[in-house]
Amino acid sequence: MAAVLGTTGTAVRAEPTEAVPPRVALVWVAPTTCPEAASIEAKLAVLLRDSPARKEPLRVDATVTGPSDRGGRWVLRLAFAGATEGERQVEGESCDALVESTVLVVAMAYDPWLVASPSGPMAPPTARATPGAPSSVDAVAPSPSASPPGSWPATAHVRSTGPTASRPAIGARLGAAGLAAILPRAALAFEGGLVVAWKRWRVILSALYAPPVASRLSDRPQAGGDLDVWTMGARGCARVWPAPADLAWPGPYAVLGCGGLAVGAMRADGVGVDEPGSGSALWLAPDLGAALHLSVGGSASLGLDVGAVIPLTAPNFVLRDLGEVHRPGVVAARLGVFVEAVF
């Protein structure tokens, strides 16, 4: 298992040692006064030595920060990828207390049926939870009254800080997109909506509006129409890279494949004629595309998405007796940027 050992100024990466099942890759960043990653790995190996091996490895990114304005408490943030997805935060009165809680939380993340034995602080499990017992890693370390001195610290507690495979996070999205072959020329649209995010999946419910774009007849430059479009849609996305088991992935990036359907209306107002009229038509179009997400800290992320839009309705706007003003393309395109915040 590989580890990163934190120092006061830099992080030093330790070379991977001999593999010890189960496959838990620990990245440990902590002040030099904290125990080293090797001690955590050793305790994990003992605690999980009887656990059935999984096909999918578990990557754990652990970052410890010392006492600040939180009443002198140490804070540990854990991010899981692979066999279990999610984020956890642990607080304790000392770094040693956080280490013991880290072992417990990581062990339960790898094997949700794990129950620590009261025979010692790091004894292998001798019992397993019955069906229906809690199986998430939202765990609280047992207090000393329930186990011998030196076992799991009562001063540390664990709480969820992000989406898991079963519990989604809810957030909002704001963005702008360039549209091609939908309005008479390339246009800028504005989008906002609701995001429901799991670690590997997300659903976006959004509304989009593109302000009016002018289109004029080639033989009568003063006549034509101003067209706009608005839509409401749903899009589903799945993470395609990094793959869930890719433990070499170093940072908070993700590529998602997306597909969705938008419904709305395209509207035109005639100009430059004696009796200008207006009209609207149904807009119905599925789209397929991809999105790149970049975490910028906390619950916020920036992104870029690109997609192909296939109108199922192609409204044809004309000026009576003068000619066609505009018809959308058979295939259109969108390129957008957005900011998201999920909680």
Protein backbone atom coordinates (compact mmCIF):
# COMPACT_ATOMS: atom_id res chain seq x y z
CA MET A 1 0.00 0.00 0.00
CA ALA A 2 1.32 3.41 -0.94
CA ALA A 3 1.30 6.42 1.35
CA VAL A 4 2.07 10.13 1.36
CA LEU A 5 3.63 11.37 4.59
CA GLY A 6 2.98 15.03 5.39
CA THR A 7 5.69 17.41 6.60
CA THR A 8 5.51 21.00 7.70
CA GLY A 9 6.19 22.30 4.20
CA THR A 10 5.99 19.48 1.70
CA ALA A 11 4.57 16.00 1.23
CA VAL A 12 6.89 13.07 0.69
CA ARG A 13 5.60 10.05 -1.20
CA ALA A 14 6.66 6.67 0.13
CA GLU A 15 7.37 3.91 -2.35
CA PRO A 16 4.74 1.15 -2.40
CA THR A 17 5.59 -1.70 -0.07
CA GLU A 18 4.71 -5.33 -0.47
CA ALA A 19 1.00 -5.68 -1.15
CA VAL A 20 -1.01 -6.67 1.91
CA PRO A 21 -4.57 -7.78 1.24
CA PRO A 22 -7.06 -6.29 1.17
CA ARG A 23 -6.07 -3.75 -1.45
CA VAL A 24 -6.31 -0.41 0.34
CA ALA A 25 -4.18 2.41 -1.12
CA LEU A 26 -3.69 5.06 1.57
CA VAL A 27 -2.55 8.60 0.83
CA TRP A 28 -1.72 10.14 4.22
CA VAL A 29 -0.92 13.85 4.57
CA ALA A 30 -0.37 15.00 8.13
CA PRO A 31 1.97 17.08 10.32
CA THR A 32 5.22 15.39 11.27
CA THR A 33 4.02 15.09 14.87
CA CYS A 34 1.38 12.57 13.76
CA PRO A 35 2.01 8.83 13.42
CA GLU A 36 3.34 7.70 10.07
CA ALA A 37 1.23 6.02 7.42
CA ALA A 38 3.04 2.71 7.93
CA SER A 39 1.50 2.33 11.38
CA ILE A 40 -1.98 2.85 9.98
CA GLU A 41 -1.36 0.34 7.20
CA ALA A 42 -0.13 -2.24 9.68
CA LYS A 43 -3.23 -1.86 11.87
CA LEU A 44 -5.49 -2.08 8.81
CA ALA A 45 -3.75 -5.25 7.66
CA VAL A 46 -4.38 -6.87 11.05
CA LEU A 47 -7.96 -5.69 11.37
CA LEU A 48 -8.91 -6.73 7.85
CA ARG A 49 -6.84 -9.88 7.45
CA ASP A 50 -9.94 -12.09 7.68
CA SER A 51 -12.04 -9.85 5.43
CA PRO A 52 -13.00 -11.35 2.05
CA ALA A 53 -10.90 -9.74 -0.67
CA ARG A 54 -12.71 -7.50 -3.13
CA LYS A 55 -12.07 -7.30 -6.84
CA GLU A 56 -12.12 -3.52 -6.66
CA PRO A 57 -9.41 -1.70 -4.67
CA LEU A 58 -10.15 1.11 -2.24
CA ARG A 59 -8.26 4.40 -2.41
CA VAL A 60 -8.28 6.57 0.69
CA ASP A 61 -7.04 10.18 0.64
CA ALA A 62 -6.53 11.31 4.23
CA THR A 63 -5.55 14.87 5.21
CA VAL A 64 -4.97 15.95 8.82
CA THR A 65 -4.97 19.56 9.99
CA GLY A 66 -3.90 20.63 13.45
CA PRO A 67 -5.85 22.61 16.04
CA SER A 68 -7.17 25.95 14.83
CA ASP A 69 -10.18 27.97 15.88
CA ARG A 70 -12.24 24.79 16.39
CA GLY A 71 -11.58 24.68 20.12
CA GLY A 72 -8.23 22.98 19.84
CA ARG A 73 -9.55 19.96 17.93
CA TRP A 74 -7.75 18.10 15.18
CA VAL A 75 -9.60 17.53 11.90
CA LEU A 76 -9.19 14.61 9.49
CA ARG A 77 -10.81 14.57 6.07
CA LEU A 78 -11.19 11.24 4.28
CA ALA A 79 -12.12 10.79 0.61
CA PHE A 80 -12.88 7.29 -0.67
CA ALA A 81 -12.77 6.03 -4.26
CA GLY A 82 -13.05 2.55 -5.68
CA ALA A 83 -14.71 -0.13 -3.56
CA THR A 84 -16.57 2.62 -1.67
CA GLU A 85 -17.37 6.16 -2.76
CA GLY A 86 -17.80 9.13 -0.44
CA GLU A 87 -16.21 11.66 1.88
CA ARG A 88 -15.98 11.73 5.65
CA GLN A 89 -14.75 14.15 8.29
CA VAL A 90 -13.37 13.10 11.67
CA GLU A 91 -12.59 15.37 14.62
CA GLY A 92 -10.55 14.49 17.68
CA GLU A 93 -8.54 15.91 20.55
CA SER A 94 -5.25 14.52 19.24
CA CYS A 95 -3.72 13.17 16.07
CA ASP A 96 -3.34 9.76 17.76
CA ALA A 97 -7.10 9.68 18.31
CA LEU A 98 -7.65 10.46 14.65
CA VAL A 99 -5.34 7.63 13.62
CA GLU A 100 -7.39 5.08 15.59
CA SER A 101 -10.61 6.45 14.09
CA THR A 102 -9.05 6.38 10.63
CA VAL A 103 -8.37 2.67 10.95
CA LEU A 104 -11.94 1.99 12.05
CA VAL A 105 -13.60 4.13 9.38
CA VAL A 106 -11.40 2.80 6.56
CA ALA A 107 -11.96 -0.78 7.69
CA MET A 108 -15.73 -0.29 7.73
CA ALA A 109 -15.58 1.44 4.35
CA TYR A 110 -13.81 -1.58 2.88
CA ASP A 111 -15.94 -4.15 4.71
CA PRO A 112 -19.30 -2.69 5.88
CA TRP A 113 -20.08 -5.89 7.83
CA LEU A 114 -17.01 -5.48 9.99
CA VAL A 115 -17.42 -5.31 13.77
CA ALA A 116 -14.36 -4.66 15.93
CA SER A 117 -13.64 -7.24 18.58
CA PRO A 118 -13.58 -6.05 22.22
CA SER A 119 -10.52 -8.19 22.85
CA GLY A 120 -8.14 -5.42 21.91
CA PRO A 121 -7.75 -2.13 20.09
CA MET A 122 -6.67 -3.67 16.79
CA ALA A 123 -7.86 -7.26 17.06
CA PRO A 124 -9.26 -8.87 13.92
CA PRO A 125 -13.05 -9.04 13.70
CA THR A 126 -14.64 -12.02 15.41
CA ALA A 127 -18.26 -11.15 14.73
CA ARG A 128 -20.24 -9.68 11.89
CA ALA A 129 -23.29 -7.47 11.86
CA THR A 130 -26.64 -9.10 11.37
CA PRO A 131 -28.72 -8.25 8.29
CA GLY A 132 -30.33 -4.87 8.66
CA ALA A 133 -27.55 -3.48 10.82
CA PRO A 134 -25.92 -0.21 9.74
CA SER A 135 -23.51 -0.87 6.89
CA SER A 136 -22.36 2.62 5.91
CA VAL A 137 -19.17 4.25 7.08
CA ASP A 138 -21.15 6.87 9.00
CA ALA A 139 -19.81 5.37 12.22
CA VAL A 140 -18.99 6.64 15.67
CA ALA A 141 -16.04 5.05 17.43
CA PRO A 142 -16.99 3.03 20.52
CA SER A 143 -16.28 4.70 23.83
CA PRO A 144 -13.79 3.36 26.38
CA SER A 145 -16.68 2.17 28.52
CA ALA A 146 -17.48 -0.37 25.83
CA SER A 147 -13.92 -1.53 25.25
CA PRO A 148 -10.60 -1.81 27.10
CA PRO A 149 -8.36 1.21 27.69
CA GLY A 150 -6.43 2.18 24.60
CA SER A 151 -9.13 1.11 22.16
CA TRP A 152 -11.25 3.37 19.96
CA PRO A 153 -11.21 6.95 21.31
CA ALA A 154 -14.42 8.46 22.60
CA THR A 155 -13.24 11.94 21.59
CA ALA A 156 -13.56 11.39 17.85
CA HIS A 157 -16.73 11.42 15.81
CA VAL A 158 -17.42 10.92 12.12
CA ARG A 159 -19.89 12.68 9.90
CA SER A 160 -20.63 12.60 6.20
CA THR A 161 -19.55 15.60 4.14
CA GLY A 162 -20.39 14.54 0.60
CA PRO A 163 -22.44 12.27 -1.67
CA THR A 164 -22.10 8.50 -1.48
CA ALA A 165 -23.16 5.69 -3.78
CA SER A 166 -26.64 5.71 -2.19
CA ARG A 167 -27.10 9.21 -0.74
CA PRO A 168 -27.06 12.04 -3.29
CA ALA A 169 -26.01 15.63 -2.84
CA ILE A 170 -28.26 18.45 -4.00
CA GLY A 171 -26.94 21.59 -5.63
CA ALA A 172 -27.32 24.28 -8.25
CA ARG A 173 -25.76 25.04 -11.63
CA LEU A 174 -25.27 28.29 -13.52
CA GLY A 175 -23.71 28.47 -16.94
CA ALA A 176 -23.51 29.86 -20.43
CA ALA A 177 -23.46 27.98 -23.74
CA GLY A 178 -22.67 28.74 -27.32
CA LEU A 179 -25.26 27.37 -29.76
CA ALA A 180 -24.64 26.58 -33.40
CA ALA A 181 -27.23 25.74 -36.11
CA ILE A 182 -30.19 26.39 -33.81
CA LEU A 183 -30.72 30.14 -34.30
CA PRO A 184 -29.82 32.05 -37.49
CA ARG A 185 -26.20 32.36 -36.36
CA ALA A 186 -24.01 31.26 -33.48
CA ALA A 187 -25.66 32.50 -30.29
CA LEU A 188 -25.04 32.74 -26.58
CA ALA A 189 -27.51 31.11 -24.19
CA PHE A 190 -27.82 31.22 -20.42
CA GLU A 191 -28.64 28.21 -18.29
CA GLY A 192 -29.50 27.47 -14.67
CA GLY A 193 -30.85 24.52 -12.83
CA LEU A 194 -30.88 21.90 -10.12
CA VAL A 195 -28.24 19.17 -9.73
CA VAL A 196 -28.71 15.81 -7.99
CA ALA A 197 -25.26 14.24 -7.69
CA TRP A 198 -23.98 10.85 -6.66
CA LYS A 199 -20.29 9.96 -6.82
CA ARG A 200 -20.60 8.34 -10.24
CA TRP A 201 -23.91 9.72 -11.51
CA ARG A 202 -25.70 13.03 -11.68
CA VAL A 203 -29.00 14.35 -12.96
CA ILE A 204 -29.38 17.96 -14.11
CA LEU A 205 -32.79 19.64 -14.37
CA SER A 206 -32.27 22.93 -16.17
CA ALA A 207 -33.80 25.85 -18.02
CA LEU A 208 -32.06 27.58 -20.93
CA TYR A 209 -32.75 30.82 -22.75
CA ALA A 210 -31.07 32.26 -25.84
CA PRO A 211 -31.90 35.96 -26.47
CA PRO A 212 -33.21 37.07 -29.88
CA VAL A 213 -30.95 36.77 -32.91
CA ALA A 214 -31.74 38.68 -36.10
CA SER A 215 -32.26 37.02 -39.47
CA ARG A 216 -32.83 39.07 -42.64
CA LEU A 217 -33.82 38.17 -46.20
CA SER A 218 -30.95 38.33 -48.63
CA ASP A 219 -32.92 40.35 -51.21
CA ARG A 220 -34.59 42.63 -48.64
CA PRO A 221 -32.05 43.38 -45.87
CA GLN A 222 -34.58 45.42 -43.89
CA ALA A 223 -37.09 42.54 -43.68
CA GLY A 224 -36.84 39.36 -41.68
CA GLY A 225 -37.30 38.23 -38.10
CA ASP A 226 -35.79 38.16 -34.63
CA LEU A 227 -35.74 34.66 -33.18
CA ASP A 228 -35.15 33.34 -29.69
CA VAL A 229 -35.47 29.94 -28.02
CA TRP A 230 -36.12 28.68 -24.50
CA THR A 231 -36.10 25.14 -23.22
CA MET A 232 -36.51 23.08 -20.08
CA GLY A 233 -34.78 19.76 -19.93
CA ALA A 234 -33.39 16.83 -18.00
CA ARG A 235 -29.94 15.37 -18.53
CA GLY A 236 -28.30 12.34 -16.96
CA CYS A 237 -24.53 11.92 -16.73
CA ALA A 238 -22.29 9.01 -15.75
CA ARG A 239 -18.60 9.21 -14.87
CA VAL A 240 -16.56 7.45 -17.56
CA TRP A 241 -13.07 8.56 -16.54
CA PRO A 242 -11.35 8.04 -14.23
CA ALA A 243 -12.82 4.57 -13.91
CA PRO A 244 -14.05 3.77 -10.39
CA ALA A 245 -11.15 1.36 -9.79
CA ASP A 246 -8.45 3.65 -11.18
CA LEU A 247 -6.43 4.31 -8.03
CA ALA A 248 -3.73 6.17 -9.96
CA TRP A 249 -6.03 9.12 -10.62
CA PRO A 250 -4.36 12.02 -8.78
CA GLY A 251 -6.78 14.89 -8.63
CA PRO A 252 -10.37 16.15 -8.47
CA TYR A 253 -11.16 15.78 -12.15
CA ALA A 254 -13.82 13.74 -13.90
CA VAL A 255 -15.09 13.17 -17.43
CA LEU A 256 -18.78 12.30 -17.77
CA GLY A 257 -20.87 11.01 -20.64
CA CYS A 258 -24.27 12.69 -20.82
CA GLY A 259 -27.60 12.35 -22.55
CA GLY A 260 -30.86 14.22 -22.20
CA LEU A 261 -33.99 15.72 -23.67
CA ALA A 262 -35.06 19.36 -23.90
CA VAL A 263 -38.53 20.71 -24.62
CA GLY A 264 -39.50 24.31 -25.16
CA ALA A 265 -40.35 26.80 -27.87
CA MET A 266 -38.68 28.79 -30.63
CA ARG A 267 -40.24 32.19 -31.24
CA ALA A 268 -39.94 34.76 -34.06
CA ASP A 269 -41.06 38.36 -34.44
CA GLY A 270 -41.31 39.72 -37.97
CA VAL A 271 -39.62 43.04 -38.80
CA GLY A 272 -39.33 45.30 -41.83
CA VAL A 273 -42.79 44.64 -43.35
CA ASP A 274 -46.10 46.48 -43.31
CA GLU A 275 -47.85 43.96 -41.07
CA PRO A 276 -45.21 42.21 -38.99
CA GLY A 277 -46.44 39.19 -37.14
CA SER A 278 -45.05 36.77 -34.64
CA GLY A 279 -45.19 33.06 -34.14
CA SER A 280 -43.80 30.23 -32.06
CA ALA A 281 -43.28 26.53 -32.54
CA LEU A 282 -42.53 23.53 -30.36
CA TRP A 283 -38.87 22.75 -29.75
CA LEU A 284 -38.12 19.13 -28.88
CA ALA A 285 -34.58 17.83 -29.08
CA PRO A 286 -32.48 15.08 -27.47
CA ASP A 287 -28.79 15.69 -27.01
CA LEU A 288 -25.70 13.58 -26.46
CA GLY A 289 -22.39 14.86 -25.16
CA ALA A 290 -19.63 14.86 -22.59
CA ALA A 291 -18.65 17.06 -19.65
CA LEU A 292 -15.39 17.80 -17.86
CA HIS A 293 -15.60 18.64 -14.14
CA LEU A 294 -12.84 20.35 -12.17
CA SER A 295 -13.20 20.69 -8.39
CA VAL A 296 -12.17 24.11 -7.11
CA GLY A 297 -12.48 23.27 -3.43
CA GLY A 298 -15.24 22.45 -1.03
CA SER A 299 -18.52 21.76 -2.79
CA ALA A 300 -17.85 23.90 -5.88
CA SER A 301 -16.70 22.82 -9.32
CA LEU A 302 -16.15 24.34 -12.73
CA GLY A 303 -16.98 22.51 -15.92
CA LEU A 304 -17.03 22.38 -19.68
CA ASP A 305 -19.62 20.47 -21.69
CA VAL A 306 -20.00 19.78 -25.38
CA GLY A 307 -22.88 18.08 -27.12
CA ALA A 308 -24.75 17.34 -30.32
CA VAL A 309 -28.40 18.43 -30.45
CA ILE A 310 -30.83 16.64 -32.77
CA PRO A 311 -34.09 18.60 -33.24
CA LEU A 312 -37.11 16.33 -33.57
CA THR A 313 -39.13 19.37 -34.59
CA ALA A 314 -37.66 21.78 -37.14
CA PRO A 315 -39.87 24.88 -37.25
CA ASN A 316 -39.74 26.83 -40.49
CA PHE A 317 -40.33 30.59 -40.05
CA VAL A 318 -41.36 32.53 -43.14
CA LEU A 319 -42.57 35.99 -44.08
CA ARG A 320 -45.71 35.64 -46.13
CA ASP A 321 -45.06 36.17 -49.86
CA LEU A 322 -41.41 37.06 -49.16
CA GLY A 323 -39.62 33.84 -48.24
CA GLU A 324 -38.05 31.77 -45.51
CA VAL A 325 -36.56 33.60 -42.55
CA HIS A 326 -35.00 30.66 -40.69
CA ARG A 327 -35.02 26.88 -40.23
CA PRO A 328 -32.79 25.14 -37.63
CA GLY A 329 -30.18 22.67 -38.81
CA VAL A 330 -30.74 18.94 -38.89
CA VAL A 331 -27.99 18.56 -36.27
CA ALA A 332 -26.96 21.40 -33.97
CA ALA A 333 -24.19 21.79 -31.42
CA ARG A 334 -23.63 23.34 -28.02
CA LEU A 335 -20.47 24.22 -26.09
CA GLY A 336 -20.95 25.39 -22.53
CA VAL A 337 -19.15 26.42 -19.38
CA PHE A 338 -20.70 26.20 -15.95
CA VAL A 339 -20.17 26.44 -12.22
CA GLU A 340 -21.79 24.01 -9.79
CA ALA A 341 -22.16 23.83 -6.03
CA VAL A 342 -23.51 20.67 -4.36
CA PHE A 343 -24.10 20.08 -0.67
